[in-house]
Amino acid sequence: MRLRTLLTLVRSGQLGLLLSTSRALRPYYRLSFLAAAASSSVLKVLAEGPVPLDALAARLGAPPSMRDGLEARLRRGVWLGELRGDRRPTACAAACRAASPTRRTMPRRR
């Protein structure tokens, strides 16, 4: 977000509305993530333990062109607190109540 946009929101009094809307939508994002992850077997694979991103993509039958999308979905799971990123460079593991948005440790791009 640009600084100018932020200042405009603060001056107009709409920043509080924006923040409360974001908080209100978080349960919807969580439910949406869990439904998609369960239907695509991501949670089932990750329940076995840490899996390298490439191995996860292979087990799910995802083509290489979808790797970035899979990584983005996993990052969303970390942001929501449903997944915990492993400290090793391309691995992530499922964990209940494990991560907070301030403690993300998802794979970094090489």
Protein backbone atom coordinates (compact mmCIF):
# COMPACT_ATOMS: atom_id res chain seq x y z
CA MET A 1 0.00 0.00 0.00
CA ARG A 2 1.31 3.42 -0.86
CA LEU A 3 1.95 5.92 1.89
CA ARG A 4 -0.36 8.41 0.24
CA THR A 5 -3.20 5.86 0.20
CA LEU A 6 -2.60 5.05 3.86
CA LEU A 7 -2.67 8.72 4.81
CA THR A 8 -5.90 9.20 2.87
CA LEU A 9 -7.48 6.27 4.73
CA VAL A 10 -6.35 7.64 8.10
CA ARG A 11 -7.67 11.12 7.36
CA SER A 12 -11.02 9.86 6.11
CA GLY A 13 -11.54 7.56 9.10
CA GLN A 14 -11.83 4.47 6.89
CA LEU A 15 -8.70 2.72 8.16
CA GLY A 16 -10.61 1.19 11.08
CA LEU A 17 -13.24 -0.11 8.68
CA LEU A 18 -10.56 -1.66 6.48
CA LEU A 19 -8.89 -3.37 9.45
CA SER A 20 -12.14 -4.68 10.90
CA THR A 21 -13.15 -6.04 7.49
CA SER A 22 -9.84 -7.85 7.23
CA ARG A 23 -10.37 -9.40 10.67
CA ALA A 24 -13.92 -10.39 9.81
CA LEU A 25 -12.84 -12.20 6.63
CA ARG A 26 -10.07 -14.24 8.26
CA PRO A 27 -12.37 -17.15 9.32
CA TYR A 28 -13.66 -17.33 5.74
CA TYR A 29 -10.07 -17.48 4.41
CA ARG A 30 -9.24 -20.21 6.94
CA LEU A 31 -12.28 -22.30 5.99
CA SER A 32 -11.56 -21.82 2.30
CA PHE A 33 -7.92 -22.83 2.75
CA LEU A 34 -8.78 -25.93 4.80
CA ALA A 35 -11.43 -27.07 2.33
CA ALA A 36 -9.08 -26.70 -0.64
CA ALA A 37 -6.14 -28.32 1.20
CA ALA A 38 -8.29 -31.26 2.33
CA SER A 39 -9.84 -31.86 -1.08
CA SER A 40 -6.44 -31.80 -2.81
CA SER A 41 -4.86 -34.14 -0.19
CA VAL A 42 -2.30 -31.52 0.89
CA LEU A 43 -3.20 -31.96 4.56
CA LYS A 44 -3.04 -35.74 4.29
CA VAL A 45 0.48 -35.63 2.83
CA LEU A 46 1.73 -33.01 5.28
CA ALA A 47 0.29 -34.90 8.26
CA GLU A 48 3.05 -37.46 7.72
CA GLY A 49 5.70 -34.83 8.47
CA PRO A 50 7.88 -32.31 6.64
CA VAL A 51 7.90 -32.72 2.88
CA PRO A 52 10.12 -30.83 0.41
CA LEU A 53 8.05 -28.62 -1.88
CA ASP A 54 9.10 -30.47 -5.02
CA ALA A 55 8.27 -33.83 -3.43
CA LEU A 56 4.90 -32.50 -2.27
CA ALA A 57 4.13 -31.30 -5.78
CA ALA A 58 5.11 -34.70 -7.19
CA ARG A 59 2.98 -36.62 -4.67
CA LEU A 60 0.00 -34.42 -5.48
CA GLY A 61 0.55 -34.83 -9.21
CA ALA A 62 0.97 -31.10 -9.71
CA PRO A 63 2.82 -30.08 -12.88
CA PRO A 64 6.03 -28.03 -12.46
CA SER A 65 4.23 -24.95 -13.76
CA MET A 66 1.96 -25.06 -10.67
CA ARG A 67 4.84 -25.09 -8.15
CA ASP A 68 4.60 -21.35 -7.49
CA GLY A 69 0.85 -21.64 -6.92
CA LEU A 70 1.35 -24.49 -4.49
CA GLU A 71 3.99 -22.52 -2.63
CA ALA A 72 1.65 -19.51 -2.44
CA ARG A 73 -1.12 -21.72 -1.06
CA LEU A 74 1.24 -23.09 1.59
CA ARG A 75 2.31 -19.57 2.54
CA ARG A 76 -1.37 -18.68 2.97
CA GLY A 77 -1.72 -21.67 5.29
CA VAL A 78 1.18 -20.37 7.37
CA TRP A 79 -0.30 -16.88 7.45
CA LEU A 80 -3.59 -18.35 8.67
CA GLY A 81 -1.84 -20.39 11.34
CA GLU A 82 -2.82 -23.77 9.89
CA LEU A 83 0.67 -24.71 8.69
CA ARG A 84 4.11 -24.25 10.12
CA GLY A 85 7.08 -23.74 7.86
CA ASP A 86 10.14 -25.80 8.56
CA ARG A 87 13.47 -24.01 8.87
CA ARG A 88 15.01 -26.12 6.15
CA PRO A 89 14.88 -24.37 2.76
CA THR A 90 11.99 -26.02 0.87
CA ALA A 91 10.09 -27.95 3.48
CA CYS A 92 6.92 -27.35 5.42
CA ALA A 93 4.97 -29.40 7.91
CA ALA A 94 1.38 -29.40 9.06
CA ALA A 95 0.76 -28.38 12.63
CA CYS A 96 -2.34 -27.51 14.57
CA ARG A 97 -2.12 -24.08 16.18
CA ALA A 98 1.61 -23.95 15.47
CA ALA A 99 2.32 -20.71 13.70
CA SER A 100 1.36 -17.13 14.18
CA PRO A 101 1.55 -14.62 11.32
CA THR A 102 4.58 -13.04 12.99
CA ARG A 103 6.55 -16.29 13.11
CA ARG A 104 6.51 -17.50 9.53
CA THR A 105 9.29 -19.78 8.37
CA MET A 106 8.21 -20.91 4.93
CA PRO A 107 10.58 -21.96 2.17
CA ARG A 108 12.55 -19.20 0.53
CA ARG A 109 13.07 -19.04 -3.18
CA ARG A 110 16.51 -19.87 -4.45
